[in-house]
Amino acid sequence: MRAARAYWSYSGIGDRGNVLLAVGLVLMGGALVLWDVPTGWIWIGGAVLLGAMTIARNLLWQRGYRKMVKYRAPITASFMPEMIEVQSAEGESTLPWATFKKYIETPEYFFITMPRRGLSIIPKRACKDDLEIEALRDMITANLPRAKMRWT
């Protein structure tokens, strides 16, 4: 879930940003209600909806990860100039770099995105040392453009 939260935050839909928006909506809605403006309740309702969506998203992702066979055993990935080879509990796959769209780098992870919301998560702690992280970063940046960071 830490990886999912890091990805959401980079994409501008992080939990912290959603909480700040919800607090802002409640404050604005509360002020409007105090000034007898009936639309204040809409702002408060938006805050409740945003909070509920954030909680539901976290619960659904936690449930989804627990059910995935892929994450019940070690995953090994080999990065080569022309492709990535992955071995997991689901089997083996060889994917050319053209399969992927962009990459994201956060302090703890590399994310490699695919069309239609596909995503591969590479924790930096899987690398032995800083030199291996640098080599992985060089391989990824040589093959993919970096995704733009959003505001949260």
N, C-alpha and C. Protein backbone atom coordinates (compact mmCIF):
# COMPACT_ATOMS: atom_id res chain seq x y z
N MET A 1 0.82 -1.20 0.00
CA MET A 1 0.00 0.00 0.00
C MET A 1 0.86 1.26 0.00
N ARG A 2 2.06 1.17 0.57
CA ARG A 2 2.94 2.35 0.54
C ARG A 2 3.26 2.72 -0.90
N ALA A 3 3.46 1.71 -1.73
CA ALA A 3 3.76 1.98 -3.14
C ALA A 3 2.56 2.63 -3.82
N ALA A 4 1.37 2.14 -3.55
CA ALA A 4 0.17 2.72 -4.15
C ALA A 4 0.00 4.17 -3.72
N ARG A 5 0.23 4.44 -2.45
CA ARG A 5 0.11 5.82 -1.97
C ARG A 5 1.16 6.74 -2.59
N ALA A 6 2.37 6.23 -2.77
CA ALA A 6 3.43 7.02 -3.42
C ALA A 6 3.04 7.32 -4.86
N TYR A 7 2.46 6.34 -5.55
CA TYR A 7 2.03 6.53 -6.94
C TYR A 7 0.89 7.55 -7.01
N TRP A 8 -0.10 7.41 -6.15
CA TRP A 8 -1.22 8.35 -6.13
C TRP A 8 -0.76 9.76 -5.86
N SER A 9 0.15 9.91 -4.92
CA SER A 9 0.65 11.24 -4.58
C SER A 9 1.36 11.87 -5.77
N TYR A 10 2.20 11.10 -6.45
CA TYR A 10 2.91 11.61 -7.62
C TYR A 10 1.92 12.00 -8.72
N SER A 11 0.83 11.24 -8.83
CA SER A 11 -0.17 11.48 -9.88
C SER A 11 -1.16 12.58 -9.53
N GLY A 12 -1.04 13.15 -8.33
CA GLY A 12 -1.91 14.26 -7.97
C GLY A 12 -3.21 13.85 -7.33
N ILE A 13 -3.32 12.59 -6.92
CA ILE A 13 -4.55 12.13 -6.27
C ILE A 13 -4.22 11.43 -4.96
N GLY A 14 -3.22 11.93 -4.26
CA GLY A 14 -2.76 11.31 -3.03
C GLY A 14 -3.71 11.52 -1.87
N ASP A 15 -3.55 10.68 -0.85
CA ASP A 15 -4.40 10.76 0.33
C ASP A 15 -4.26 12.12 1.03
N ARG A 16 -3.03 12.60 1.15
CA ARG A 16 -2.79 13.88 1.82
C ARG A 16 -3.49 15.02 1.08
N GLY A 17 -3.38 15.05 -0.23
CA GLY A 17 -4.04 16.08 -1.02
C GLY A 17 -5.55 16.00 -0.91
N ASN A 18 -6.08 14.77 -0.92
CA ASN A 18 -7.53 14.60 -0.78
C ASN A 18 -8.03 15.07 0.58
N VAL A 19 -7.26 14.78 1.64
CA VAL A 19 -7.65 15.24 2.98
C VAL A 19 -7.62 16.77 3.04
N LEU A 20 -6.58 17.38 2.47
CA LEU A 20 -6.52 18.84 2.47
C LEU A 20 -7.69 19.45 1.70
N LEU A 21 -8.03 18.86 0.57
CA LEU A 21 -9.19 19.35 -0.19
C LEU A 21 -10.48 19.19 0.61
N ALA A 22 -10.64 18.04 1.27
CA ALA A 22 -11.85 17.80 2.06
C ALA A 22 -11.95 18.80 3.21
N VAL A 23 -10.84 19.08 3.89
CA VAL A 23 -10.85 20.06 4.98
C VAL A 23 -11.21 21.44 4.43
N GLY A 24 -10.64 21.81 3.29
CA GLY A 24 -10.97 23.09 2.67
C GLY A 24 -12.44 23.18 2.30
N LEU A 25 -12.98 22.09 1.76
CA LEU A 25 -14.40 22.08 1.41
C LEU A 25 -15.29 22.22 2.65
N VAL A 26 -14.92 21.53 3.73
CA VAL A 26 -15.71 21.63 4.97
C VAL A 26 -15.65 23.05 5.52
N LEU A 27 -14.46 23.66 5.53
CA LEU A 27 -14.33 25.02 6.04
C LEU A 27 -15.15 26.01 5.21
N MET A 28 -15.03 25.87 3.89
CA MET A 28 -15.78 26.78 3.02
C MET A 28 -17.29 26.54 3.16
N GLY A 29 -17.66 25.27 3.16
CA GLY A 29 -19.08 24.94 3.31
C GLY A 29 -19.63 25.41 4.65
N GLY A 30 -18.83 25.21 5.72
CA GLY A 30 -19.27 25.66 7.04
C GLY A 30 -19.45 27.16 7.10
N ALA A 31 -18.52 27.88 6.50
CA ALA A 31 -18.65 29.35 6.46
C ALA A 31 -19.89 29.77 5.69
N LEU A 32 -20.16 29.11 4.57
CA LEU A 32 -21.35 29.45 3.78
C LEU A 32 -22.63 29.15 4.55
N VAL A 33 -22.64 28.02 5.26
CA VAL A 33 -23.82 27.67 6.07
C VAL A 33 -24.03 28.71 7.18
N LEU A 34 -22.94 29.14 7.83
CA LEU A 34 -23.05 30.15 8.88
C LEU A 34 -23.58 31.47 8.34
N TRP A 35 -23.30 31.77 7.08
CA TRP A 35 -23.80 33.00 6.46
C TRP A 35 -25.15 32.80 5.78
N ASP A 36 -25.79 31.69 6.11
CA ASP A 36 -27.12 31.34 5.58
C ASP A 36 -27.16 31.21 4.07
N VAL A 37 -26.08 30.71 3.48
CA VAL A 37 -26.05 30.42 2.05
C VAL A 37 -26.30 28.91 1.91
N PRO A 38 -27.43 28.53 1.31
CA PRO A 38 -27.80 27.11 1.26
C PRO A 38 -26.82 26.22 0.50
N THR A 39 -26.04 26.79 -0.41
CA THR A 39 -25.12 25.95 -1.18
C THR A 39 -23.93 25.47 -0.35
N GLY A 40 -23.80 25.96 0.87
CA GLY A 40 -22.74 25.50 1.76
C GLY A 40 -22.83 24.01 2.03
N TRP A 41 -24.05 23.49 2.07
CA TRP A 41 -24.23 22.05 2.30
C TRP A 41 -23.69 21.23 1.13
N ILE A 42 -23.71 21.80 -0.05
CA ILE A 42 -23.14 21.09 -1.22
C ILE A 42 -21.64 20.94 -1.03
N TRP A 43 -20.98 21.99 -0.55
CA TRP A 43 -19.54 21.94 -0.30
C TRP A 43 -19.22 20.89 0.76
N ILE A 44 -20.01 20.86 1.82
CA ILE A 44 -19.80 19.87 2.88
C ILE A 44 -20.05 18.46 2.34
N GLY A 45 -21.08 18.30 1.53
CA GLY A 45 -21.34 17.01 0.90
C GLY A 45 -20.19 16.57 0.00
N GLY A 46 -19.59 17.52 -0.72
CA GLY A 46 -18.43 17.21 -1.55
C GLY A 46 -17.26 16.72 -0.72
N ALA A 47 -17.06 17.32 0.46
CA ALA A 47 -15.99 16.89 1.36
C ALA A 47 -16.23 15.47 1.85
N VAL A 48 -17.47 15.18 2.21
CA VAL A 48 -17.81 13.82 2.67
C VAL A 48 -17.59 12.82 1.54
N LEU A 49 -18.01 13.18 0.33
CA LEU A 49 -17.85 12.29 -0.82
C LEU A 49 -16.36 12.05 -1.12
N LEU A 50 -15.56 13.10 -1.08
CA LEU A 50 -14.12 12.97 -1.33
C LEU A 50 -13.46 12.08 -0.28
N GLY A 51 -13.83 12.28 0.98
CA GLY A 51 -13.30 11.44 2.05
C GLY A 51 -13.71 9.98 1.88
N ALA A 52 -14.97 9.75 1.55
CA ALA A 52 -15.46 8.38 1.36
C ALA A 52 -14.76 7.70 0.18
N MET A 53 -14.54 8.44 -0.89
CA MET A 53 -13.86 7.87 -2.06
C MET A 53 -12.41 7.51 -1.71
N THR A 54 -11.75 8.33 -0.93
CA THR A 54 -10.36 8.06 -0.54
C THR A 54 -10.28 6.82 0.33
N ILE A 55 -11.17 6.70 1.29
CA ILE A 55 -11.20 5.52 2.15
C ILE A 55 -11.54 4.27 1.34
N ALA A 56 -12.54 4.36 0.47
CA ALA A 56 -12.94 3.21 -0.35
C ALA A 56 -11.80 2.78 -1.26
N ARG A 57 -11.10 3.72 -1.86
CA ARG A 57 -9.97 3.39 -2.73
C ARG A 57 -8.91 2.60 -1.97
N ASN A 58 -8.56 3.05 -0.77
CA ASN A 58 -7.56 2.36 0.03
C ASN A 58 -8.02 0.95 0.39
N LEU A 59 -9.26 0.80 0.78
CA LEU A 59 -9.77 -0.53 1.14
C LEU A 59 -9.81 -1.47 -0.06
N LEU A 60 -10.24 -0.98 -1.20
CA LEU A 60 -10.31 -1.82 -2.41
C LEU A 60 -8.93 -2.25 -2.87
N TRP A 61 -7.96 -1.34 -2.82
CA TRP A 61 -6.60 -1.71 -3.24
C TRP A 61 -5.98 -2.71 -2.28
N GLN A 62 -6.20 -2.53 -0.97
CA GLN A 62 -5.67 -3.51 0.00
C GLN A 62 -6.26 -4.89 -0.27
N ARG A 63 -7.54 -4.94 -0.48
CA ARG A 63 -8.23 -6.21 -0.76
C ARG A 63 -7.72 -6.82 -2.06
N GLY A 64 -7.53 -5.99 -3.08
CA GLY A 64 -7.06 -6.48 -4.38
C GLY A 64 -5.65 -7.05 -4.30
N TYR A 65 -4.76 -6.39 -3.56
CA TYR A 65 -3.39 -6.88 -3.43
C TYR A 65 -3.36 -8.21 -2.70
N ARG A 66 -4.17 -8.37 -1.66
CA ARG A 66 -4.18 -9.62 -0.91
C ARG A 66 -4.62 -10.79 -1.77
N LYS A 67 -5.47 -10.54 -2.75
CA LYS A 67 -5.99 -11.62 -3.59
C LYS A 67 -5.08 -11.98 -4.77
N MET A 68 -4.11 -11.14 -5.10
CA MET A 68 -3.28 -11.38 -6.27
C MET A 68 -2.22 -12.45 -6.00
N VAL A 69 -2.24 -13.50 -6.79
CA VAL A 69 -1.29 -14.60 -6.67
C VAL A 69 0.13 -14.10 -6.91
N LYS A 70 0.28 -13.17 -7.81
CA LYS A 70 1.58 -12.64 -8.21
C LYS A 70 2.43 -12.18 -7.02
N TYR A 71 1.79 -11.63 -5.99
CA TYR A 71 2.52 -11.04 -4.87
C TYR A 71 2.71 -11.99 -3.69
N ARG A 72 2.43 -13.27 -3.88
CA ARG A 72 2.59 -14.24 -2.79
C ARG A 72 3.94 -14.94 -2.82
N ALA A 73 4.74 -14.64 -3.79
CA ALA A 73 6.07 -15.24 -3.91
C ALA A 73 7.02 -14.16 -4.43
N PRO A 74 8.32 -14.40 -4.34
CA PRO A 74 9.28 -13.40 -4.84
C PRO A 74 9.10 -13.13 -6.34
N ILE A 75 9.37 -11.91 -6.72
CA ILE A 75 9.32 -11.50 -8.13
C ILE A 75 10.73 -11.09 -8.52
N THR A 76 11.19 -11.62 -9.66
CA THR A 76 12.52 -11.30 -10.16
C THR A 76 12.37 -10.61 -11.51
N ALA A 77 13.05 -9.49 -11.67
CA ALA A 77 13.02 -8.77 -12.94
C ALA A 77 14.45 -8.54 -13.42
N SER A 78 14.66 -8.75 -14.71
CA SER A 78 15.96 -8.48 -15.33
C SER A 78 15.76 -7.41 -16.38
N PHE A 79 16.53 -6.34 -16.28
CA PHE A 79 16.40 -5.21 -17.19
C PHE A 79 17.54 -5.26 -18.20
N MET A 80 17.17 -5.29 -19.47
CA MET A 80 18.14 -5.31 -20.55
C MET A 80 17.84 -4.17 -21.51
N PRO A 81 18.79 -3.77 -22.34
CA PRO A 81 18.56 -2.62 -23.22
C PRO A 81 17.34 -2.77 -24.14
N GLU A 82 16.98 -3.99 -24.51
CA GLU A 82 15.86 -4.16 -25.44
C GLU A 82 14.58 -4.69 -24.80
N MET A 83 14.65 -5.19 -23.54
CA MET A 83 13.46 -5.79 -22.93
C MET A 83 13.62 -5.93 -21.41
N ILE A 84 12.49 -6.31 -20.79
CA ILE A 84 12.47 -6.64 -19.37
C ILE A 84 11.93 -8.06 -19.24
N GLU A 85 12.63 -8.90 -18.50
CA GLU A 85 12.17 -10.26 -18.22
C GLU A 85 11.70 -10.32 -16.77
N VAL A 86 10.50 -10.86 -16.55
CA VAL A 86 9.93 -10.93 -15.21
C VAL A 86 9.55 -12.37 -14.90
N GLN A 87 9.87 -12.81 -13.69
CA GLN A 87 9.48 -14.14 -13.20
C GLN A 87 8.75 -13.95 -11.89
N SER A 88 7.53 -14.48 -11.82
CA SER A 88 6.72 -14.36 -10.61
C SER A 88 5.94 -15.65 -10.41
N ALA A 89 5.09 -15.68 -9.39
CA ALA A 89 4.26 -16.85 -9.11
C ALA A 89 3.28 -17.12 -10.26
N GLU A 90 2.98 -16.11 -11.06
CA GLU A 90 2.07 -16.28 -12.20
C GLU A 90 2.77 -16.85 -13.42
N GLY A 91 4.11 -16.83 -13.44
CA GLY A 91 4.86 -17.34 -14.58
C GLY A 91 5.93 -16.36 -15.03
N GLU A 92 6.40 -16.57 -16.25
CA GLU A 92 7.46 -15.73 -16.80
C GLU A 92 6.92 -14.91 -17.96
N SER A 93 7.49 -13.73 -18.14
CA SER A 93 7.12 -12.90 -19.29
C SER A 93 8.33 -12.09 -19.73
N THR A 94 8.37 -11.83 -21.01
CA THR A 94 9.39 -11.00 -21.61
C THR A 94 8.68 -9.85 -22.31
N LEU A 95 8.96 -8.63 -21.88
CA LEU A 95 8.27 -7.46 -22.42
C LEU A 95 9.26 -6.49 -23.03
N PRO A 96 9.06 -6.11 -24.28
CA PRO A 96 9.93 -5.08 -24.86
C PRO A 96 9.61 -3.73 -24.22
N TRP A 97 10.58 -2.82 -24.26
CA TRP A 97 10.39 -1.50 -23.66
C TRP A 97 9.22 -0.76 -24.30
N ALA A 98 8.89 -1.09 -25.55
CA ALA A 98 7.78 -0.42 -26.25
C ALA A 98 6.44 -0.71 -25.58
N THR A 99 6.37 -1.75 -24.76
CA THR A 99 5.14 -2.09 -24.04
C THR A 99 4.80 -1.01 -23.02
N PHE A 100 5.81 -0.35 -22.52
CA PHE A 100 5.63 0.62 -21.45
C PHE A 100 5.51 2.03 -22.02
N LYS A 101 4.85 2.89 -21.24
CA LYS A 101 4.58 4.25 -21.71
C LYS A 101 5.51 5.29 -21.09
N LYS A 102 5.60 5.31 -19.76
CA LYS A 102 6.39 6.30 -19.05
C LYS A 102 6.91 5.70 -17.75
N TYR A 103 7.77 6.44 -17.09
CA TYR A 103 8.21 6.00 -15.77
C TYR A 103 8.04 7.13 -14.76
N ILE A 104 7.95 6.73 -13.51
CA ILE A 104 7.83 7.65 -12.38
C ILE A 104 8.89 7.23 -11.38
N GLU A 105 9.57 8.20 -10.80
CA GLU A 105 10.53 7.90 -9.74
C GLU A 105 10.16 8.68 -8.49
N THR A 106 10.04 7.96 -7.39
CA THR A 106 9.81 8.57 -6.08
C THR A 106 11.00 8.19 -5.20
N PRO A 107 11.12 8.72 -4.00
CA PRO A 107 12.27 8.38 -3.16
C PRO A 107 12.42 6.88 -2.88
N GLU A 108 11.32 6.13 -2.88
CA GLU A 108 11.39 4.71 -2.54
C GLU A 108 11.14 3.75 -3.69
N TYR A 109 10.58 4.24 -4.82
CA TYR A 109 10.14 3.34 -5.88
C TYR A 109 10.42 3.90 -7.27
N PHE A 110 10.47 2.97 -8.23
CA PHE A 110 10.32 3.28 -9.65
C PHE A 110 8.99 2.69 -10.06
N PHE A 111 8.19 3.41 -10.82
CA PHE A 111 6.95 2.90 -11.38
C PHE A 111 7.09 2.96 -12.89
N ILE A 112 6.77 1.88 -13.56
CA ILE A 112 6.78 1.85 -15.02
C ILE A 112 5.34 1.66 -15.45
N THR A 113 4.81 2.65 -16.17
CA THR A 113 3.40 2.60 -16.53
C THR A 113 3.21 2.00 -17.91
N MET A 114 2.05 1.36 -18.07
CA MET A 114 1.65 0.78 -19.34
C MET A 114 0.35 1.44 -19.77
N PRO A 115 0.02 1.36 -21.05
CA PRO A 115 -1.27 1.89 -21.48
C PRO A 115 -2.40 1.19 -20.72
N ARG A 116 -3.51 1.85 -20.60
CA ARG A 116 -4.71 1.33 -19.93
C ARG A 116 -4.48 1.04 -18.45
N ARG A 117 -3.78 1.94 -17.80
CA ARG A 117 -3.60 1.93 -16.36
C ARG A 117 -2.80 0.76 -15.81
N GLY A 118 -2.01 0.11 -16.64
CA GLY A 118 -1.11 -0.93 -16.15
C GLY A 118 0.06 -0.30 -15.43
N LEU A 119 0.65 -1.04 -14.51
CA LEU A 119 1.69 -0.46 -13.68
C LEU A 119 2.61 -1.55 -13.15
N SER A 120 3.90 -1.33 -13.23
CA SER A 120 4.88 -2.21 -12.59
C SER A 120 5.59 -1.39 -11.53
N ILE A 121 5.72 -1.98 -10.34
CA ILE A 121 6.33 -1.30 -9.20
C ILE A 121 7.68 -1.95 -8.95
N ILE A 122 8.71 -1.12 -8.88
CA ILE A 122 10.06 -1.61 -8.61
C ILE A 122 10.56 -0.88 -7.35
N PRO A 123 10.58 -1.58 -6.21
CA PRO A 123 11.10 -0.92 -5.01
C PRO A 123 12.60 -0.73 -5.09
N LYS A 124 13.07 0.42 -4.70
CA LYS A 124 14.51 0.68 -4.75
C LYS A 124 15.27 -0.20 -3.76
N ARG A 125 14.58 -0.66 -2.71
CA ARG A 125 15.24 -1.52 -1.74
C ARG A 125 15.59 -2.90 -2.32
N ALA A 126 15.04 -3.21 -3.50
CA ALA A 126 15.39 -4.47 -4.17
C ALA A 126 16.80 -4.43 -4.76
N CYS A 127 17.34 -3.23 -4.91
CA CYS A 127 18.70 -3.08 -5.43
C CYS A 127 19.70 -3.25 -4.28
N LYS A 128 20.87 -3.76 -4.61
CA LYS A 128 21.90 -4.03 -3.60
C LYS A 128 22.49 -2.76 -3.01
N ASP A 129 22.74 -1.77 -3.88
CA ASP A 129 23.40 -0.55 -3.42
C ASP A 129 23.04 0.60 -4.35
N ASP A 130 23.61 1.77 -4.06
CA ASP A 130 23.32 2.97 -4.85
C ASP A 130 23.78 2.85 -6.29
N LEU A 131 24.86 2.12 -6.52
CA LEU A 131 25.34 1.92 -7.89
C LEU A 131 24.33 1.13 -8.73
N GLU A 132 23.71 0.14 -8.12
CA GLU A 132 22.70 -0.64 -8.83
C GLU A 132 21.45 0.19 -9.09
N ILE A 133 21.07 1.04 -8.14
CA ILE A 133 19.94 1.94 -8.35
C ILE A 133 20.24 2.89 -9.51
N GLU A 134 21.45 3.41 -9.55
CA GLU A 134 21.85 4.32 -10.62
C GLU A 134 21.84 3.61 -11.98
N ALA A 135 22.31 2.37 -12.02
CA ALA A 135 22.29 1.60 -13.27
C ALA A 135 20.86 1.34 -13.73
N LEU A 136 19.99 1.03 -12.78
CA LEU A 136 18.57 0.81 -13.12
C LEU A 136 17.95 2.10 -13.63
N ARG A 137 18.22 3.20 -12.96
CA ARG A 137 17.70 4.51 -13.39
C ARG A 137 18.17 4.83 -14.81
N ASP A 138 19.46 4.58 -15.10
CA ASP A 138 20.00 4.84 -16.44
C ASP A 138 19.30 3.98 -17.49
N MET A 139 19.03 2.71 -17.16
CA MET A 139 18.35 1.81 -18.10
C MET A 139 16.93 2.30 -18.37
N ILE A 140 16.23 2.69 -17.32
CA ILE A 140 14.85 3.15 -17.47
C ILE A 140 14.79 4.46 -18.25
N THR A 141 15.64 5.42 -17.87
CA THR A 141 15.60 6.73 -18.54
C THR A 141 16.05 6.67 -19.99
N ALA A 142 16.86 5.69 -20.32
CA ALA A 142 17.28 5.53 -21.71
C ALA A 142 16.15 5.02 -22.60
N ASN A 143 15.14 4.40 -21.99
CA ASN A 143 14.08 3.77 -22.76
C ASN A 143 12.70 4.41 -22.62
N LEU A 144 12.49 5.20 -21.56
CA LEU A 144 11.16 5.75 -21.31
C LEU A 144 11.23 7.22 -20.91
N PRO A 145 10.20 8.01 -21.29
CA PRO A 145 10.13 9.39 -20.80
C PRO A 145 9.56 9.42 -19.38
N ARG A 146 9.90 10.45 -18.63
CA ARG A 146 9.40 10.57 -17.27
C ARG A 146 8.00 11.18 -17.28
N ALA A 147 7.11 10.64 -16.46
CA ALA A 147 5.75 11.18 -16.33
C ALA A 147 5.81 12.47 -15.52
N LYS A 148 4.97 13.41 -15.85
CA LYS A 148 4.93 14.68 -15.12
C LYS A 148 4.35 14.48 -13.73
N MET A 149 4.95 15.16 -12.77
CA MET A 149 4.46 15.11 -11.40
C MET A 149 3.31 16.10 -11.24
N ARG A 150 2.28 15.68 -10.53
CA ARG A 150 1.14 16.55 -10.27
C ARG A 150 1.37 17.29 -8.96
N TRP A 151 0.39 18.00 -8.48
CA TRP A 151 0.58 18.95 -7.39
C TRP A 151 0.61 18.37 -6.00
N THR A 152 0.19 17.14 -5.73
CA THR A 152 0.20 16.64 -4.34
C THR A 152 1.38 15.75 -4.08
